Every structure is written in C-alpha cells, then in structure tokens.
Amino acid sequence: MRQLSYDQFTCHTEIDNQPLLRTNSQSISIADIHTADTNRKLQQIAFESIEYLLQEEAEEKEYIILQNSIRQQLAMQLNIENLAKFDFSNLENKIQLIFQWIIVVFYRTSSEMFEWKSFKEICIIEDKGVDLRNRIGLKNIVRMTKLEFELTKQLMLYRLSIESKNNNNKDVVQFISQIFDIIQIIIRTFEAGQKVMRIEEELIRRQIQENQSKEEEK
C-alpha cells in the first residue's frame, strides 16, 4: 500500500524535530486555509483518473523541489547583517511583524518573546546571520503548522504598509523585498504540498477499495 511520505521532495532540518513552544499550534487543516476555489480543485481530485493523479503528483513534487531550491538560494542572498545598524524597537513600525514571524516560524518561539535588541544580537550579530539564513532556506515547508501558515499568509497583507514605512534606506528596502519574495515561495510550496497530500490520500483510498473488491470476488 502507498504511504504518505514527503522526505524525498522536501527539505528537512533539525529544527523540524523540535517541539513547539506554543501549545495551540496544530496540524494544518485544508479546509481552514484554502479559498473556496482552491478547495474545489482539491475536491475535484476524487473524480480524476489514476493516471492523471500520478502525473499531477509527480509534477507537484518536482515543483516543490524546485521551489525549495529557489528558496534556499534566495535565503543565502538575504541582506541580514546590514540590519544590525538599525533600530527597529519602535512598536509602531510594522517591520516588527517580519521579525516576529521569523521567530515563530523558524525558531518556533512565541511572538510575544520578540525583542529587537535580543533578536539582533542572537540572530544577526552572533554569526552574521548564517543560522538564520539556513533556517529560512531549509525549513520543511510542507510540514508547517496551522499557526505558521496562517501567520505567513497574514504577513502578506502588511507588505505595502511595511514597505511604505521603511523606504528611506536601500538596505532595509532590499531586505523587505527579499523576505517577501521568500514568503510567496513558502505559500506556493505549502499549497503544492497540500495538493500532493490530497492526491496520495485519494490513491490510497482507491487502492483500499480495489483490494476490498478483490477480496469480495474470492
């Protein structure tokens, strides 16, 4: 019988094995995070042929591998260390939402624990952002939690506000542009992973039905 497995086409790091500090994080629910149109496409999977589903599964896995590779490259190019010369401690500056998102999604720490001075020292100055780049580039996106994905989608809603309030320095502008490019890739990768999961569930369901039919014929 087919098994649900993503190790062959997703990046996986040690941080993915660490428990969440927030107890209200949970596995993602497809119905909770997708639009009606996307849900309709996922539901349509139940009516497609096996050949079509196998082809779609292979193509989506290749797409995820490609997006993971692009994300890793973009993460390595992130203009992180230049941020150390700025003070983003003002709570009214929405750019803090980016850093809060980072500690929740990539460090699995409560956003309430964010404090710019500590973040700057630990994530930027200490190793010139090497660990942070690796976390952003290598996180297993397919296995994101409900909280992580919701925060990622919500952050996109603040892009214009963040850009408009932080457009006076080219280093900050560059970082914001880079991080939102990565966020878009994360969203696309996760949704592709959800499609693969739905396809594999459908293929397993059909295989079970086929096995049951064969047993009944004996």
N, C-alpha and C. Protein backbone atom coordinates (compact mmCIF):
# COMPACT_ATOMS: atom_id res chain seq x y z
N MET A 1 0.85 -1.20 0.00
CA MET A 1 0.00 0.00 0.00
C MET A 1 0.88 1.25 0.00
N ARG A 2 0.45 2.27 -0.69
CA ARG A 2 1.20 3.52 -0.75
C ARG A 2 1.24 4.17 0.64
N GLN A 3 2.34 4.83 0.92
CA GLN A 3 2.49 5.51 2.20
C GLN A 3 2.64 7.01 1.98
N LEU A 4 2.09 7.80 2.91
CA LEU A 4 2.25 9.24 2.85
C LEU A 4 3.66 9.59 3.29
N SER A 5 4.50 10.01 2.36
CA SER A 5 5.89 10.32 2.68
C SER A 5 6.36 11.50 1.86
N TYR A 6 7.01 12.46 2.52
CA TYR A 6 7.47 13.65 1.82
C TYR A 6 8.99 13.82 1.93
N ASP A 7 9.68 12.88 2.54
CA ASP A 7 11.11 13.03 2.75
C ASP A 7 11.88 13.13 1.43
N GLN A 8 11.34 12.59 0.36
CA GLN A 8 12.05 12.59 -0.91
C GLN A 8 11.96 13.92 -1.64
N PHE A 9 11.04 14.76 -1.25
CA PHE A 9 10.93 16.00 -2.02
C PHE A 9 10.77 17.25 -1.17
N THR A 10 11.08 17.16 0.13
CA THR A 10 11.07 18.35 0.98
C THR A 10 12.38 18.47 1.71
N CYS A 11 12.74 19.69 2.05
CA CYS A 11 13.91 19.91 2.87
C CYS A 11 13.55 19.63 4.32
N HIS A 12 14.47 19.08 5.07
CA HIS A 12 14.18 18.75 6.48
C HIS A 12 15.40 19.10 7.31
N THR A 13 15.22 19.85 8.38
CA THR A 13 16.31 20.23 9.24
C THR A 13 16.02 19.83 10.67
N GLU A 14 17.00 19.98 11.53
CA GLU A 14 16.84 19.59 12.93
C GLU A 14 15.74 20.38 13.62
N ILE A 15 15.52 21.63 13.22
CA ILE A 15 14.50 22.44 13.90
C ILE A 15 13.11 21.87 13.67
N ASP A 16 12.93 21.08 12.62
CA ASP A 16 11.63 20.49 12.37
C ASP A 16 11.32 19.39 13.37
N ASN A 17 12.34 18.91 14.07
CA ASN A 17 12.13 17.87 15.08
C ASN A 17 11.87 18.46 16.46
N GLN A 18 12.06 19.76 16.61
CA GLN A 18 11.91 20.39 17.91
C GLN A 18 10.44 20.67 18.21
N PRO A 19 10.01 20.47 19.47
CA PRO A 19 8.61 20.75 19.83
C PRO A 19 8.32 22.23 19.81
N LEU A 20 7.10 22.59 19.48
CA LEU A 20 6.68 23.98 19.51
C LEU A 20 6.56 24.47 20.94
N LEU A 21 6.89 25.74 21.13
CA LEU A 21 6.72 26.33 22.45
C LEU A 21 5.28 26.78 22.67
N ARG A 22 4.55 26.98 21.57
CA ARG A 22 3.15 27.38 21.67
C ARG A 22 2.29 26.14 21.61
N THR A 23 1.52 25.88 22.63
CA THR A 23 0.73 24.64 22.69
C THR A 23 -0.47 24.66 21.77
N ASN A 24 -0.83 25.85 21.24
CA ASN A 24 -2.02 25.89 20.39
C ASN A 24 -1.68 25.67 18.93
N SER A 25 -0.42 25.37 18.60
CA SER A 25 -0.07 25.01 17.24
C SER A 25 -0.59 23.61 16.97
N GLN A 26 -1.01 23.38 15.73
CA GLN A 26 -1.56 22.08 15.41
C GLN A 26 -1.38 21.80 13.93
N SER A 27 -1.64 20.57 13.54
CA SER A 27 -1.52 20.21 12.14
C SER A 27 -2.49 21.02 11.31
N ILE A 28 -2.09 21.31 10.10
CA ILE A 28 -2.89 22.16 9.23
C ILE A 28 -4.16 21.45 8.78
N SER A 29 -5.22 22.18 8.67
CA SER A 29 -6.46 21.66 8.12
C SER A 29 -6.69 22.31 6.77
N ILE A 30 -6.86 21.51 5.73
CA ILE A 30 -7.02 22.05 4.39
C ILE A 30 -8.20 23.00 4.32
N ALA A 31 -9.28 22.65 4.95
CA ALA A 31 -10.49 23.48 4.89
C ALA A 31 -10.28 24.84 5.53
N ASP A 32 -9.36 24.92 6.50
CA ASP A 32 -9.16 26.17 7.23
C ASP A 32 -8.35 27.19 6.44
N ILE A 33 -7.51 26.75 5.52
CA ILE A 33 -6.52 27.66 4.97
C ILE A 33 -6.69 27.96 3.49
N HIS A 34 -7.53 27.27 2.80
CA HIS A 34 -7.64 27.48 1.37
C HIS A 34 -8.92 28.24 1.01
N THR A 35 -8.85 28.94 -0.09
CA THR A 35 -10.03 29.63 -0.59
C THR A 35 -11.02 28.61 -1.13
N ALA A 36 -12.24 29.06 -1.39
CA ALA A 36 -13.27 28.16 -1.92
C ALA A 36 -12.83 27.58 -3.25
N ASP A 37 -12.17 28.39 -4.07
CA ASP A 37 -11.72 27.92 -5.38
C ASP A 37 -10.67 26.82 -5.23
N THR A 38 -9.72 27.02 -4.32
CA THR A 38 -8.68 26.02 -4.10
C THR A 38 -9.28 24.74 -3.53
N ASN A 39 -10.20 24.89 -2.60
CA ASN A 39 -10.87 23.71 -2.03
C ASN A 39 -11.61 22.92 -3.11
N ARG A 40 -12.23 23.64 -4.04
CA ARG A 40 -12.96 22.99 -5.12
C ARG A 40 -12.00 22.17 -5.99
N LYS A 41 -10.82 22.71 -6.24
CA LYS A 41 -9.83 21.99 -7.04
C LYS A 41 -9.33 20.75 -6.30
N LEU A 42 -9.16 20.87 -4.99
CA LEU A 42 -8.72 19.72 -4.21
C LEU A 42 -9.80 18.64 -4.18
N GLN A 43 -11.05 19.05 -4.07
CA GLN A 43 -12.15 18.10 -4.07
C GLN A 43 -12.29 17.40 -5.42
N GLN A 44 -11.92 18.10 -6.49
CA GLN A 44 -12.03 17.54 -7.83
C GLN A 44 -11.11 16.34 -8.01
N ILE A 45 -10.07 16.26 -7.17
CA ILE A 45 -9.13 15.15 -7.25
C ILE A 45 -9.83 13.81 -7.17
N ALA A 46 -10.91 13.74 -6.40
CA ALA A 46 -11.63 12.48 -6.21
C ALA A 46 -12.25 11.96 -7.50
N PHE A 47 -12.37 12.81 -8.52
CA PHE A 47 -13.04 12.42 -9.77
C PHE A 47 -12.06 12.24 -10.93
N GLU A 48 -10.76 12.41 -10.66
CA GLU A 48 -9.77 12.28 -11.73
C GLU A 48 -9.32 10.83 -11.86
N SER A 49 -8.75 10.51 -13.03
CA SER A 49 -8.25 9.16 -13.26
C SER A 49 -6.95 8.95 -12.49
N ILE A 50 -6.63 7.68 -12.25
CA ILE A 50 -5.40 7.36 -11.53
C ILE A 50 -4.18 7.85 -12.31
N GLU A 51 -4.21 7.68 -13.63
CA GLU A 51 -3.09 8.11 -14.46
C GLU A 51 -2.86 9.61 -14.32
N TYR A 52 -3.96 10.36 -14.33
CA TYR A 52 -3.86 11.82 -14.20
C TYR A 52 -3.31 12.19 -12.82
N LEU A 53 -3.79 11.51 -11.79
CA LEU A 53 -3.34 11.82 -10.43
C LEU A 53 -1.86 11.51 -10.24
N LEU A 54 -1.40 10.41 -10.81
CA LEU A 54 0.02 10.06 -10.71
C LEU A 54 0.89 11.10 -11.41
N GLN A 55 0.41 11.57 -12.55
CA GLN A 55 1.15 12.61 -13.27
C GLN A 55 1.17 13.92 -12.47
N GLU A 56 0.02 14.29 -11.92
CA GLU A 56 -0.07 15.51 -11.11
C GLU A 56 0.82 15.41 -9.87
N GLU A 57 0.82 14.24 -9.25
CA GLU A 57 1.64 14.03 -8.06
C GLU A 57 3.12 14.24 -8.38
N ALA A 58 3.57 13.64 -9.48
CA ALA A 58 4.97 13.76 -9.87
C ALA A 58 5.33 15.21 -10.20
N GLU A 59 4.43 15.90 -10.91
CA GLU A 59 4.70 17.29 -11.28
C GLU A 59 4.74 18.21 -10.07
N GLU A 60 3.83 17.99 -9.12
CA GLU A 60 3.81 18.82 -7.91
C GLU A 60 5.05 18.58 -7.06
N LYS A 61 5.51 17.34 -7.00
CA LYS A 61 6.72 17.05 -6.24
C LYS A 61 7.94 17.71 -6.88
N GLU A 62 8.00 17.68 -8.20
CA GLU A 62 9.09 18.36 -8.90
C GLU A 62 9.03 19.86 -8.65
N TYR A 63 7.82 20.40 -8.63
CA TYR A 63 7.62 21.83 -8.37
C TYR A 63 8.11 22.19 -6.97
N ILE A 64 7.80 21.34 -6.00
CA ILE A 64 8.22 21.59 -4.62
C ILE A 64 9.74 21.56 -4.51
N ILE A 65 10.37 20.59 -5.17
CA ILE A 65 11.83 20.52 -5.17
C ILE A 65 12.43 21.79 -5.75
N LEU A 66 11.86 22.27 -6.86
CA LEU A 66 12.35 23.49 -7.50
C LEU A 66 12.17 24.69 -6.58
N GLN A 67 10.99 24.83 -5.98
CA GLN A 67 10.73 25.96 -5.10
C GLN A 67 11.63 25.93 -3.86
N ASN A 68 11.89 24.73 -3.33
CA ASN A 68 12.81 24.62 -2.20
C ASN A 68 14.20 25.09 -2.58
N SER A 69 14.63 24.73 -3.79
CA SER A 69 15.95 25.13 -4.27
C SER A 69 16.04 26.65 -4.43
N ILE A 70 15.00 27.24 -5.02
CA ILE A 70 14.97 28.69 -5.21
C ILE A 70 14.96 29.40 -3.86
N ARG A 71 14.15 28.89 -2.93
CA ARG A 71 14.08 29.50 -1.59
C ARG A 71 15.43 29.46 -0.90
N GLN A 72 16.13 28.34 -1.02
CA GLN A 72 17.44 28.22 -0.39
C GLN A 72 18.42 29.24 -0.98
N GLN A 73 18.38 29.39 -2.30
CA GLN A 73 19.26 30.37 -2.94
C GLN A 73 18.94 31.79 -2.50
N LEU A 74 17.65 32.12 -2.44
CA LEU A 74 17.24 33.47 -2.01
C LEU A 74 17.61 33.71 -0.55
N ALA A 75 17.48 32.68 0.28
CA ALA A 75 17.82 32.83 1.70
C ALA A 75 19.30 33.12 1.88
N MET A 76 20.14 32.46 1.07
CA MET A 76 21.58 32.70 1.16
C MET A 76 21.95 34.12 0.74
N GLN A 77 21.09 34.75 -0.06
CA GLN A 77 21.35 36.10 -0.55
C GLN A 77 20.74 37.18 0.36
N LEU A 78 20.03 36.76 1.40
CA LEU A 78 19.36 37.72 2.28
C LEU A 78 20.34 38.73 2.88
N ASN A 79 19.97 39.98 2.78
CA ASN A 79 20.78 41.08 3.29
C ASN A 79 20.51 41.25 4.79
N ILE A 80 21.02 40.32 5.59
CA ILE A 80 20.68 40.28 7.01
C ILE A 80 21.61 41.11 7.88
N GLU A 81 22.93 40.93 7.71
CA GLU A 81 23.85 41.57 8.65
C GLU A 81 23.78 43.09 8.63
N ASN A 82 23.38 43.68 7.49
CA ASN A 82 23.26 45.13 7.43
C ASN A 82 22.14 45.67 8.31
N LEU A 83 21.23 44.79 8.73
CA LEU A 83 20.12 45.24 9.59
C LEU A 83 20.59 45.58 11.00
N ALA A 84 21.77 45.09 11.36
CA ALA A 84 22.27 45.30 12.72
C ALA A 84 22.50 46.77 13.05
N LYS A 85 22.67 47.59 12.04
CA LYS A 85 22.95 49.01 12.29
C LYS A 85 21.68 49.84 12.49
N PHE A 86 20.52 49.18 12.40
CA PHE A 86 19.25 49.90 12.54
C PHE A 86 18.58 49.57 13.87
N ASP A 87 17.69 50.46 14.27
CA ASP A 87 16.91 50.25 15.48
C ASP A 87 15.44 50.06 15.10
N PHE A 88 14.97 48.83 15.22
CA PHE A 88 13.58 48.51 14.88
C PHE A 88 12.77 48.21 16.14
N SER A 89 13.13 48.86 17.23
CA SER A 89 12.45 48.59 18.50
C SER A 89 11.13 49.34 18.64
N ASN A 90 10.86 50.28 17.74
CA ASN A 90 9.60 51.03 17.79
C ASN A 90 8.43 50.10 17.48
N LEU A 91 7.54 49.94 18.44
CA LEU A 91 6.42 49.01 18.28
C LEU A 91 5.47 49.42 17.16
N GLU A 92 5.49 50.69 16.79
CA GLU A 92 4.58 51.17 15.75
C GLU A 92 5.07 50.81 14.34
N ASN A 93 6.32 50.40 14.24
CA ASN A 93 6.87 50.02 12.95
C ASN A 93 6.47 48.58 12.62
N LYS A 94 5.67 48.42 11.58
CA LYS A 94 5.14 47.10 11.22
C LYS A 94 6.22 46.13 10.76
N ILE A 95 7.44 46.61 10.53
CA ILE A 95 8.50 45.69 10.14
C ILE A 95 8.76 44.67 11.25
N GLN A 96 8.36 45.01 12.47
CA GLN A 96 8.48 44.05 13.57
C GLN A 96 7.70 42.77 13.29
N LEU A 97 6.65 42.87 12.50
CA LEU A 97 5.86 41.68 12.16
C LEU A 97 6.71 40.66 11.41
N ILE A 98 7.66 41.14 10.60
CA ILE A 98 8.56 40.23 9.89
C ILE A 98 9.42 39.46 10.87
N PHE A 99 10.00 40.17 11.82
CA PHE A 99 10.89 39.53 12.79
C PHE A 99 10.11 38.61 13.73
N GLN A 100 8.90 39.01 14.09
CA GLN A 100 8.06 38.13 14.91
C GLN A 100 7.70 36.87 14.14
N TRP A 101 7.40 37.02 12.87
CA TRP A 101 7.11 35.87 12.01
C TRP A 101 8.31 34.94 11.94
N ILE A 102 9.50 35.52 11.84
CA ILE A 102 10.72 34.72 11.77
C ILE A 102 10.91 33.87 13.02
N ILE A 103 10.72 34.46 14.20
CA ILE A 103 10.98 33.67 15.42
C ILE A 103 9.90 32.62 15.66
N VAL A 104 8.68 32.87 15.16
CA VAL A 104 7.62 31.87 15.30
C VAL A 104 7.84 30.71 14.32
N VAL A 105 8.06 31.03 13.06
CA VAL A 105 8.13 30.01 12.01
C VAL A 105 9.47 29.28 12.00
N PHE A 106 10.57 29.99 12.20
CA PHE A 106 11.89 29.38 12.03
C PHE A 106 12.61 29.07 13.34
N TYR A 107 12.16 29.67 14.45
CA TYR A 107 12.75 29.36 15.75
C TYR A 107 11.73 28.72 16.69
N ARG A 108 10.48 28.63 16.23
CA ARG A 108 9.41 28.00 16.99
C ARG A 108 9.32 28.57 18.41
N THR A 109 9.29 29.87 18.47
CA THR A 109 9.20 30.61 19.72
C THR A 109 8.02 31.56 19.65
N SER A 110 7.40 31.84 20.77
CA SER A 110 6.25 32.74 20.80
C SER A 110 6.63 34.13 20.31
N SER A 111 5.76 34.73 19.51
CA SER A 111 6.00 36.10 19.03
C SER A 111 6.06 37.10 20.17
N GLU A 112 5.44 36.75 21.29
CA GLU A 112 5.44 37.63 22.46
C GLU A 112 6.83 37.77 23.06
N MET A 113 7.73 36.86 22.71
CA MET A 113 9.08 36.90 23.24
C MET A 113 10.01 37.78 22.39
N PHE A 114 9.47 38.32 21.28
CA PHE A 114 10.32 39.13 20.40
C PHE A 114 10.73 40.43 21.07
N GLU A 115 12.02 40.72 20.97
CA GLU A 115 12.57 41.99 21.42
C GLU A 115 13.74 42.29 20.49
N TRP A 116 13.72 43.45 19.84
CA TRP A 116 14.66 43.73 18.76
C TRP A 116 16.11 43.58 19.19
N LYS A 117 16.47 44.10 20.34
CA LYS A 117 17.87 44.06 20.77
C LYS A 117 18.37 42.62 20.87
N SER A 118 17.58 41.75 21.48
CA SER A 118 17.96 40.35 21.62
C SER A 118 17.99 39.65 20.27
N PHE A 119 16.97 39.92 19.44
CA PHE A 119 16.92 39.33 18.11
C PHE A 119 18.15 39.71 17.31
N LYS A 120 18.51 40.97 17.35
CA LYS A 120 19.67 41.46 16.61
C LYS A 120 20.95 40.77 17.08
N GLU A 121 21.09 40.64 18.39
CA GLU A 121 22.31 40.04 18.94
C GLU A 121 22.41 38.55 18.59
N ILE A 122 21.31 37.83 18.79
CA ILE A 122 21.34 36.37 18.62
C ILE A 122 21.27 35.94 17.15
N CYS A 123 20.39 36.57 16.38
CA CYS A 123 20.11 36.10 15.02
C CYS A 123 20.92 36.80 13.94
N ILE A 124 21.49 37.96 14.26
CA ILE A 124 22.20 38.72 13.23
C ILE A 124 23.68 38.87 13.55
N ILE A 125 24.00 39.42 14.72
CA ILE A 125 25.39 39.76 15.03
C ILE A 125 26.22 38.52 15.37
N GLU A 126 25.65 37.61 16.16
CA GLU A 126 26.41 36.48 16.70
C GLU A 126 27.13 35.67 15.63
N ASP A 127 26.46 35.35 14.55
CA ASP A 127 27.11 34.56 13.48
C ASP A 127 26.89 35.18 12.10
N LYS A 128 26.64 36.49 12.09
CA LYS A 128 26.41 37.23 10.85
C LYS A 128 25.21 36.68 10.06
N GLY A 129 24.25 36.13 10.78
CA GLY A 129 23.01 35.68 10.15
C GLY A 129 23.07 34.34 9.46
N VAL A 130 24.16 33.59 9.66
CA VAL A 130 24.33 32.30 8.97
C VAL A 130 23.23 31.31 9.37
N ASP A 131 23.01 31.16 10.67
CA ASP A 131 22.00 30.21 11.15
C ASP A 131 20.60 30.62 10.68
N LEU A 132 20.31 31.91 10.71
CA LEU A 132 19.00 32.40 10.27
C LEU A 132 18.78 32.11 8.80
N ARG A 133 19.79 32.34 7.98
CA ARG A 133 19.66 32.05 6.54
C ARG A 133 19.39 30.56 6.33
N ASN A 134 20.10 29.72 7.06
CA ASN A 134 19.91 28.28 6.92
C ASN A 134 18.50 27.86 7.32
N ARG A 135 17.99 28.44 8.39
CA ARG A 135 16.64 28.10 8.84
C ARG A 135 15.60 28.52 7.80
N ILE A 136 15.75 29.72 7.28
CA ILE A 136 14.80 30.21 6.28
C ILE A 136 14.89 29.40 4.99
N GLY A 137 16.09 29.00 4.62
CA GLY A 137 16.28 28.28 3.37
C GLY A 137 15.97 26.81 3.42
N LEU A 138 16.05 26.20 4.61
CA LEU A 138 15.96 24.74 4.70
C LEU A 138 14.75 24.21 5.45
N LYS A 139 13.93 25.07 6.00
CA LYS A 139 12.77 24.58 6.76
C LYS A 139 11.87 23.72 5.88
N ASN A 140 11.32 22.66 6.48
CA ASN A 140 10.39 21.79 5.78
C ASN A 140 9.03 22.48 5.69
N ILE A 141 8.77 23.13 4.59
CA ILE A 141 7.56 23.94 4.43
C ILE A 141 6.30 23.08 4.37
N VAL A 142 6.39 21.90 3.78
CA VAL A 142 5.22 21.04 3.65
C VAL A 142 4.64 20.67 5.02
N ARG A 143 5.50 20.64 6.03
CA ARG A 143 5.05 20.25 7.37
C ARG A 143 4.81 21.46 8.27
N MET A 144 4.57 22.61 7.70
CA MET A 144 4.26 23.79 8.51
C MET A 144 3.01 23.54 9.35
N THR A 145 2.94 24.17 10.52
CA THR A 145 1.76 24.06 11.36
C THR A 145 0.71 25.08 10.93
N LYS A 146 -0.48 24.92 11.49
CA LYS A 146 -1.57 25.85 11.19
C LYS A 146 -1.18 27.28 11.57
N LEU A 147 -0.61 27.45 12.74
CA LEU A 147 -0.19 28.78 13.19
C LEU A 147 0.84 29.38 12.24
N GLU A 148 1.83 28.59 11.86
CA GLU A 148 2.90 29.09 11.00
C GLU A 148 2.36 29.54 9.64
N PHE A 149 1.48 28.72 9.06
CA PHE A 149 0.97 29.08 7.74
C PHE A 149 0.04 30.29 7.81
N GLU A 150 -0.79 30.36 8.84
CA GLU A 150 -1.69 31.50 8.99
C GLU A 150 -0.90 32.80 9.15
N LEU A 151 0.16 32.77 9.94
CA LEU A 151 0.99 33.95 10.13
C LEU A 151 1.67 34.36 8.83
N THR A 152 2.08 33.37 8.05
CA THR A 152 2.74 33.65 6.77
C THR A 152 1.78 34.32 5.81
N LYS A 153 0.56 33.80 5.72
CA LYS A 153 -0.44 34.42 4.83
C LYS A 153 -0.81 35.82 5.31
N GLN A 154 -0.96 35.99 6.61
CA GLN A 154 -1.34 37.29 7.16
C GLN A 154 -0.27 38.34 6.92
N LEU A 155 0.99 37.92 6.98
CA LEU A 155 2.08 38.87 6.80
C LEU A 155 2.04 39.52 5.43
N MET A 156 1.58 38.78 4.42
CA MET A 156 1.47 39.34 3.07
C MET A 156 0.54 40.55 3.04
N LEU A 157 -0.45 40.57 3.92
CA LEU A 157 -1.41 41.67 3.96
C LEU A 157 -0.78 42.97 4.42
N TYR A 158 0.36 42.87 5.09
CA TYR A 158 1.03 44.06 5.62
C TYR A 158 2.18 44.54 4.74
N ARG A 159 2.35 43.91 3.59
CA ARG A 159 3.53 44.24 2.77
C ARG A 159 3.59 45.72 2.41
N LEU A 160 2.51 46.27 1.87
CA LEU A 160 2.52 47.67 1.44
C LEU A 160 2.77 48.60 2.62
N SER A 161 2.16 48.30 3.74
CA SER A 161 2.34 49.12 4.94
C SER A 161 3.79 49.09 5.41
N ILE A 162 4.38 47.92 5.42
CA ILE A 162 5.77 47.78 5.84
C ILE A 162 6.70 48.50 4.88
N GLU A 163 6.46 48.34 3.59
CA GLU A 163 7.31 48.99 2.59
C GLU A 163 7.21 50.51 2.66
N SER A 164 6.01 51.02 2.83
CA SER A 164 5.81 52.47 2.84
C SER A 164 6.45 53.14 4.05
N LYS A 165 6.55 52.42 5.16
CA LYS A 165 7.11 52.99 6.39
C LYS A 165 8.62 52.76 6.51
N ASN A 166 9.19 52.00 5.58
CA ASN A 166 10.62 51.67 5.67
C ASN A 166 11.30 51.81 4.31
N ASN A 167 11.07 52.94 3.66
CA ASN A 167 11.60 53.14 2.31
C ASN A 167 12.71 54.18 2.24
N ASN A 168 13.32 54.48 3.40
CA ASN A 168 14.34 55.53 3.43
C ASN A 168 15.76 55.00 3.34
N ASN A 169 15.92 53.69 3.39
CA ASN A 169 17.26 53.12 3.33
C ASN A 169 17.26 51.92 2.39
N LYS A 170 18.22 51.88 1.49
CA LYS A 170 18.24 50.83 0.46
C LYS A 170 18.46 49.44 1.06
N ASP A 171 19.21 49.35 2.17
CA ASP A 171 19.44 48.04 2.78
C ASP A 171 18.15 47.45 3.35
N VAL A 172 17.36 48.31 3.99
CA VAL A 172 16.09 47.86 4.56
C VAL A 172 15.11 47.52 3.45
N VAL A 173 15.06 48.37 2.42
CA VAL A 173 14.18 48.13 1.28
C VAL A 173 14.52 46.80 0.62
N GLN A 174 15.82 46.54 0.47
CA GLN A 174 16.25 45.29 -0.16
C GLN A 174 15.85 44.08 0.67
N PHE A 175 16.05 44.16 1.98
CA PHE A 175 15.69 43.05 2.87
C PHE A 175 14.20 42.76 2.80
N ILE A 176 13.38 43.80 2.85
CA ILE A 176 11.93 43.62 2.81
C ILE A 176 11.51 42.95 1.51
N SER A 177 12.08 43.42 0.40
CA SER A 177 11.76 42.83 -0.90
C SER A 177 12.17 41.36 -0.95
N GLN A 178 13.35 41.05 -0.44
CA GLN A 178 13.85 39.68 -0.44
C GLN A 178 12.97 38.77 0.41
N ILE A 179 12.61 39.23 1.60
CA ILE A 179 11.86 38.36 2.51
C ILE A 179 10.46 38.09 1.98
N PHE A 180 9.85 39.07 1.30
CA PHE A 180 8.52 38.83 0.76
C PHE A 180 8.56 37.94 -0.49
N ASP A 181 9.66 37.97 -1.22
CA ASP A 181 9.83 37.00 -2.32
C ASP A 181 9.85 35.59 -1.74
N ILE A 182 10.55 35.41 -0.64
CA ILE A 182 10.64 34.11 0.02
C ILE A 182 9.29 33.69 0.58
N ILE A 183 8.56 34.63 1.15
CA ILE A 183 7.23 34.33 1.70
C ILE A 183 6.29 33.82 0.62
N GLN A 184 6.33 34.44 -0.56
CA GLN A 184 5.49 33.99 -1.67
C GLN A 184 5.83 32.57 -2.07
N ILE A 185 7.11 32.24 -2.07
CA ILE A 185 7.55 30.89 -2.40
C ILE A 185 7.08 29.90 -1.34
N ILE A 186 7.15 30.30 -0.08
CA ILE A 186 6.70 29.44 1.01
C ILE A 186 5.22 29.11 0.87
N ILE A 187 4.42 30.10 0.55
CA ILE A 187 2.98 29.89 0.39
C ILE A 187 2.70 28.93 -0.77
N ARG A 188 3.37 29.16 -1.90
CA ARG A 188 3.16 28.28 -3.07
C ARG A 188 3.62 26.85 -2.77
N THR A 189 4.74 26.73 -2.08
CA THR A 189 5.27 25.41 -1.75
C THR A 189 4.33 24.64 -0.83
N PHE A 190 3.83 25.32 0.18
CA PHE A 190 2.92 24.67 1.12
C PHE A 190 1.66 24.20 0.42
N GLU A 191 1.09 25.04 -0.42
CA GLU A 191 -0.15 24.68 -1.11
C GLU A 191 0.08 23.52 -2.07
N ALA A 192 1.26 23.48 -2.70
CA ALA A 192 1.59 22.35 -3.57
C ALA A 192 1.69 21.07 -2.73
N GLY A 193 2.26 21.19 -1.55
CA GLY A 193 2.36 20.04 -0.66
C GLY A 193 1.01 19.53 -0.22
N GLN A 194 0.07 20.45 0.00
CA GLN A 194 -1.29 20.05 0.36
C GLN A 194 -1.96 19.30 -0.78
N LYS A 195 -1.67 19.72 -2.00
CA LYS A 195 -2.25 19.02 -3.16
C LYS A 195 -1.69 17.61 -3.26
N VAL A 196 -0.38 17.47 -3.05
CA VAL A 196 0.23 16.15 -3.08
C VAL A 196 -0.38 15.25 -2.01
N MET A 197 -0.56 15.81 -0.83
CA MET A 197 -1.15 15.04 0.27
C MET A 197 -2.55 14.55 -0.11
N ARG A 198 -3.33 15.43 -0.70
CA ARG A 198 -4.70 15.06 -1.09
C ARG A 198 -4.68 13.99 -2.17
N ILE A 199 -3.77 14.10 -3.12
CA ILE A 199 -3.65 13.10 -4.18
C ILE A 199 -3.27 11.75 -3.59
N GLU A 200 -2.29 11.73 -2.71
CA GLU A 200 -1.84 10.47 -2.12
C GLU A 200 -2.93 9.83 -1.27
N GLU A 201 -3.69 10.65 -0.56
CA GLU A 201 -4.82 10.12 0.21
C GLU A 201 -5.84 9.47 -0.72
N GLU A 202 -6.10 10.11 -1.85
CA GLU A 202 -7.08 9.58 -2.80
C GLU A 202 -6.57 8.28 -3.42
N LEU A 203 -5.29 8.22 -3.75
CA LEU A 203 -4.72 7.00 -4.33
C LEU A 203 -4.76 5.85 -3.33
N ILE A 204 -4.51 6.14 -2.07
CA ILE A 204 -4.59 5.12 -1.03
C ILE A 204 -6.03 4.63 -0.88
N ARG A 205 -6.98 5.57 -0.89
CA ARG A 205 -8.40 5.21 -0.77
C ARG A 205 -8.81 4.28 -1.90
N ARG A 206 -8.38 4.59 -3.11
CA ARG A 206 -8.76 3.75 -4.25
C ARG A 206 -8.10 2.38 -4.18
N GLN A 207 -6.87 2.34 -3.69
CA GLN A 207 -6.20 1.05 -3.58
C GLN A 207 -6.89 0.17 -2.55
N ILE A 208 -7.33 0.76 -1.46
CA ILE A 208 -8.07 0.01 -0.44
C ILE A 208 -9.37 -0.54 -1.03
N GLN A 209 -10.08 0.30 -1.79
CA GLN A 209 -11.31 -0.15 -2.43
C GLN A 209 -11.05 -1.30 -3.40
N GLU A 210 -9.96 -1.18 -4.15
CA GLU A 210 -9.61 -2.24 -5.11
C GLU A 210 -9.30 -3.54 -4.38
N ASN A 211 -8.56 -3.46 -3.29
CA ASN A 211 -8.22 -4.66 -2.52
C ASN A 211 -9.47 -5.30 -1.92
N GLN A 212 -10.39 -4.46 -1.45
CA GLN A 212 -11.64 -4.98 -0.88
C GLN A 212 -12.48 -5.67 -1.95
N SER A 213 -12.50 -5.09 -3.14
CA SER A 213 -13.27 -5.69 -4.24
C SER A 213 -12.70 -7.05 -4.61
N LYS A 214 -11.37 -7.17 -4.62
CA LYS A 214 -10.74 -8.44 -4.95
C LYS A 214 -11.05 -9.49 -3.90
N GLU A 215 -11.08 -9.07 -2.64
CA GLU A 215 -11.39 -10.00 -1.56
C GLU A 215 -12.83 -10.50 -1.66
N GLU A 216 -13.73 -9.60 -2.04
CA GLU A 216 -15.14 -9.97 -2.16
C GLU A 216 -15.38 -10.92 -3.32
N GLU A 217 -14.53 -10.85 -4.34
CA GLU A 217 -14.69 -11.70 -5.52
C GLU A 217 -14.20 -13.12 -5.26
N LYS A 218 -13.39 -13.29 -4.22
CA LYS A 218 -12.85 -14.63 -3.94
C LYS A 218 -13.93 -15.56 -3.39
